């Protein structure tokens, strides 16, 4: 019998960088849009309002995040279990690329 194939990752397409930033910002707990904007800026990946809310809509549609009840007219979002799994997988992939690229650069000197 063959090895079980992992579940297909959602295709975030050309919007994968903003989506990854949003997922990362939500990794430590729910946040509303303005808090995500502030954190993304502190990460060095500032998002425009349009980019943020486009990413939030896509991530919610893919069930990687979900909105919580509004608090003071602010709507916090949180990672779903699927979103946590997706973020872990993407970060592991990026770590492999970083390690590989770093080794290649060290060998090129």
C-alpha atoms as a PDB file:
ATOM      1  CA  UNK A   1       0.000   0.000   0.000  1.00  0.00           C
ATOM      2  CA  UNK A   2       1.177   3.514  -0.781  1.00  0.00           C
ATOM      3  CA  UNK A   3       1.838   6.254   1.659  1.00  0.00           C
ATOM      4  CA  UNK A   4      -1.203   8.401   2.468  1.00  0.00           C
ATOM      5  CA  UNK A   5      -1.105  11.711   0.647  1.00  0.00           C
ATOM      6  CA  UNK A   6      -1.461  14.852   2.767  1.00  0.00           C
ATOM      7  CA  UNK A   7      -4.609  16.894   2.294  1.00  0.00           C
ATOM      8  CA  UNK A   8      -4.289  19.397  -0.515  1.00  0.00           C
ATOM      9  CA  UNK A   9      -3.244  22.855   0.604  1.00  0.00           C
ATOM     10  CA  UNK A  10      -5.627  25.641  -0.376  1.00  0.00           C
ATOM     11  CA  UNK A  11      -4.283  27.602  -3.317  1.00  0.00           C
ATOM     12  CA  UNK A  12      -3.917  31.180  -2.124  1.00  0.00           C
ATOM     13  CA  UNK A  13      -2.386  32.173  -5.462  1.00  0.00           C
ATOM     14  CA  UNK A  14      -0.792  35.544  -5.855  1.00  0.00           C
ATOM     15  CA  UNK A  15      -2.353  36.582  -2.570  1.00  0.00           C
ATOM     16  CA  UNK A  16      -0.331  34.083  -0.527  1.00  0.00           C
ATOM     17  CA  UNK A  17       2.025  36.630   1.062  1.00  0.00           C
ATOM     18  CA  UNK A  18      -0.710  38.827   2.591  1.00  0.00           C
ATOM     19  CA  UNK A  19      -2.638  35.701   3.620  1.00  0.00           C
ATOM     20  CA  UNK A  20       0.448  34.273   5.327  1.00  0.00           C
ATOM     21  CA  UNK A  21       1.016  37.573   7.139  1.00  0.00           C
ATOM     22  CA  UNK A  22      -2.605  37.604   8.354  1.00  0.00           C
ATOM     23  CA  UNK A  23      -2.436  33.981   9.508  1.00  0.00           C
ATOM     24  CA  UNK A  24       0.814  34.720  11.330  1.00  0.00           C
ATOM     25  CA  UNK A  25      -0.695  37.757  13.047  1.00  0.00           C
ATOM     26  CA  UNK A  26      -3.580  35.600  14.274  1.00  0.00           C
ATOM     27  CA  UNK A  27      -1.325  32.773  15.537  1.00  0.00           C
ATOM     28  CA  UNK A  28      -1.303  34.055  19.130  1.00  0.00           C
ATOM     29  CA  UNK A  29      -5.012  34.778  19.347  1.00  0.00           C
ATOM     30  CA  UNK A  30      -7.952  36.686  17.847  1.00  0.00           C
ATOM     31  CA  UNK A  31      -7.428  40.192  16.481  1.00  0.00           C
ATOM     32  CA  UNK A  32      -9.546  42.760  14.690  1.00  0.00           C
ATOM     33  CA  UNK A  33      -8.511  44.364  11.413  1.00  0.00           C
ATOM     34  CA  UNK A  34      -6.729  47.401  12.848  1.00  0.00           C
ATOM     35  CA  UNK A  35      -4.648  45.224  15.205  1.00  0.00           C
ATOM     36  CA  UNK A  36      -3.671  43.009  12.253  1.00  0.00           C
ATOM     37  CA  UNK A  37      -2.653  46.115  10.272  1.00  0.00           C
ATOM     38  CA  UNK A  38      -0.478  47.332  13.145  1.00  0.00           C
ATOM     39  CA  UNK A  39       1.186  43.961  13.660  1.00  0.00           C
ATOM     40  CA  UNK A  40       1.783  43.440   9.945  1.00  0.00           C
ATOM     41  CA  UNK A  41       3.507  46.813   9.834  1.00  0.00           C
ATOM     42  CA  UNK A  42       5.718  45.911  12.802  1.00  0.00           C
ATOM     43  CA  UNK A  43       6.646  42.687  10.956  1.00  0.00           C
ATOM     44  CA  UNK A  44       7.821  44.759   8.009  1.00  0.00           C
ATOM     45  CA  UNK A  45       4.940  43.633   5.772  1.00  0.00           C
ATOM     46  CA  UNK A  46       2.481  46.539   5.889  1.00  0.00           C
ATOM     47  CA  UNK A  47      -0.899  45.777   4.350  1.00  0.00           C
ATOM     48  CA  UNK A  48      -3.314  48.253   2.831  1.00  0.00           C
ATOM     49  CA  UNK A  49      -6.927  48.120   3.986  1.00  0.00           C
ATOM     50  CA  UNK A  50      -8.005  46.637   0.666  1.00  0.00           C
ATOM     51  CA  UNK A  51      -5.333  43.939   0.787  1.00  0.00           C
ATOM     52  CA  UNK A  52      -6.120  43.102   4.415  1.00  0.00           C
ATOM     53  CA  UNK A  53      -9.860  42.765   3.947  1.00  0.00           C
ATOM     54  CA  UNK A  54      -9.417  40.888   0.667  1.00  0.00           C
ATOM     55  CA  UNK A  55      -7.142  38.401   2.470  1.00  0.00           C
ATOM     56  CA  UNK A  56      -9.560  38.135   5.407  1.00  0.00           C
ATOM     57  CA  UNK A  57     -12.441  37.374   3.032  1.00  0.00           C
ATOM     58  CA  UNK A  58     -10.442  34.713   1.159  1.00  0.00           C
ATOM     59  CA  UNK A  59      -9.174  33.104   4.376  1.00  0.00           C
ATOM     60  CA  UNK A  60     -12.675  33.060   5.839  1.00  0.00           C
ATOM     61  CA  UNK A  61     -14.082  31.534   2.631  1.00  0.00           C
ATOM     62  CA  UNK A  62     -11.385  28.826   2.827  1.00  0.00           C
ATOM     63  CA  UNK A  63     -12.315  28.278   6.503  1.00  0.00           C
ATOM     64  CA  UNK A  64      -8.761  29.021   7.655  1.00  0.00           C
ATOM     65  CA  UNK A  65     -10.093  31.810   9.882  1.00  0.00           C
ATOM     66  CA  UNK A  66     -13.461  32.713  11.305  1.00  0.00           C
ATOM     67  CA  UNK A  67     -14.990  35.903  12.611  1.00  0.00           C
ATOM     68  CA  UNK A  68     -15.992  36.143  16.236  1.00  0.00           C
ATOM     69  CA  UNK A  69     -18.800  38.272  17.655  1.00  0.00           C
ATOM     70  CA  UNK A  70     -18.234  42.003  17.249  1.00  0.00           C
ATOM     71  CA  UNK A  71     -16.838  43.897  20.204  1.00  0.00           C
ATOM     72  CA  UNK A  72     -17.269  47.687  20.213  1.00  0.00           C
ATOM     73  CA  UNK A  73     -18.008  47.620  16.454  1.00  0.00           C
ATOM     74  CA  UNK A  74     -14.765  45.722  15.869  1.00  0.00           C
ATOM     75  CA  UNK A  75     -14.881  42.230  14.447  1.00  0.00           C
ATOM     76  CA  UNK A  76     -12.084  39.963  15.684  1.00  0.00           C
ATOM     77  CA  UNK A  77     -10.913  37.027  13.604  1.00  0.00           C
ATOM     78  CA  UNK A  78      -9.307  33.834  14.827  1.00  0.00           C
ATOM     79  CA  UNK A  79      -7.539  30.872  13.274  1.00  0.00           C
ATOM     80  CA  UNK A  80      -9.554  27.704  12.832  1.00  0.00           C
ATOM     81  CA  UNK A  81      -7.937  24.333  13.478  1.00  0.00           C
ATOM     82  CA  UNK A  82      -7.527  24.026   9.710  1.00  0.00           C
ATOM     83  CA  UNK A  83      -5.884  27.457   9.665  1.00  0.00           C
ATOM     84  CA  UNK A  84      -3.434  26.425  12.384  1.00  0.00           C
ATOM     85  CA  UNK A  85      -2.501  23.326  10.385  1.00  0.00           C
ATOM     86  CA  UNK A  86      -2.105  25.339   7.191  1.00  0.00           C
ATOM     87  CA  UNK A  87       0.082  27.943   8.915  1.00  0.00           C
ATOM     88  CA  UNK A  88       2.305  25.262  10.473  1.00  0.00           C
ATOM     89  CA  UNK A  89       2.710  23.584   7.096  1.00  0.00           C
ATOM     90  CA  UNK A  90       3.530  26.832   5.265  1.00  0.00           C
ATOM     91  CA  UNK A  91       6.033  27.916   7.919  1.00  0.00           C
ATOM     92  CA  UNK A  92       7.733  24.510   7.811  1.00  0.00           C
ATOM     93  CA  UNK A  93       7.991  24.783   4.005  1.00  0.00           C
ATOM     94  CA  UNK A  94       9.424  28.276   4.232  1.00  0.00           C
ATOM     95  CA  UNK A  95      11.915  27.140   6.869  1.00  0.00           C
ATOM     96  CA  UNK A  96      13.131  24.386   4.530  1.00  0.00           C
ATOM     97  CA  UNK A  97      13.605  26.907   1.732  1.00  0.00           C
ATOM     98  CA  UNK A  98      15.454  29.321   4.046  1.00  0.00           C
ATOM     99  CA  UNK A  99      17.789  26.596   5.344  1.00  0.00           C
ATOM    100  CA  UNK A 100      18.471  25.292   1.836  1.00  0.00           C
ATOM    101  CA  UNK A 101      19.034  28.750   0.394  1.00  0.00           C
ATOM    102  CA  UNK A 102      21.301  29.710   3.295  1.00  0.00           C
ATOM    103  CA  UNK A 103      23.444  26.587   2.765  1.00  0.00           C
ATOM    104  CA  UNK A 104      23.704  27.360  -0.942  1.00  0.00           C
ATOM    105  CA  UNK A 105      24.771  30.927  -0.222  1.00  0.00           C
ATOM    106  CA  UNK A 106      27.405  29.774   2.262  1.00  0.00           C
ATOM    107  CA  UNK A 107      28.803  27.370  -0.345  1.00  0.00           C
ATOM    108  CA  UNK A 108      28.937  30.123  -2.975  1.00  0.00           C
ATOM    109  CA  UNK A 109      31.392  32.238  -0.993  1.00  0.00           C
END
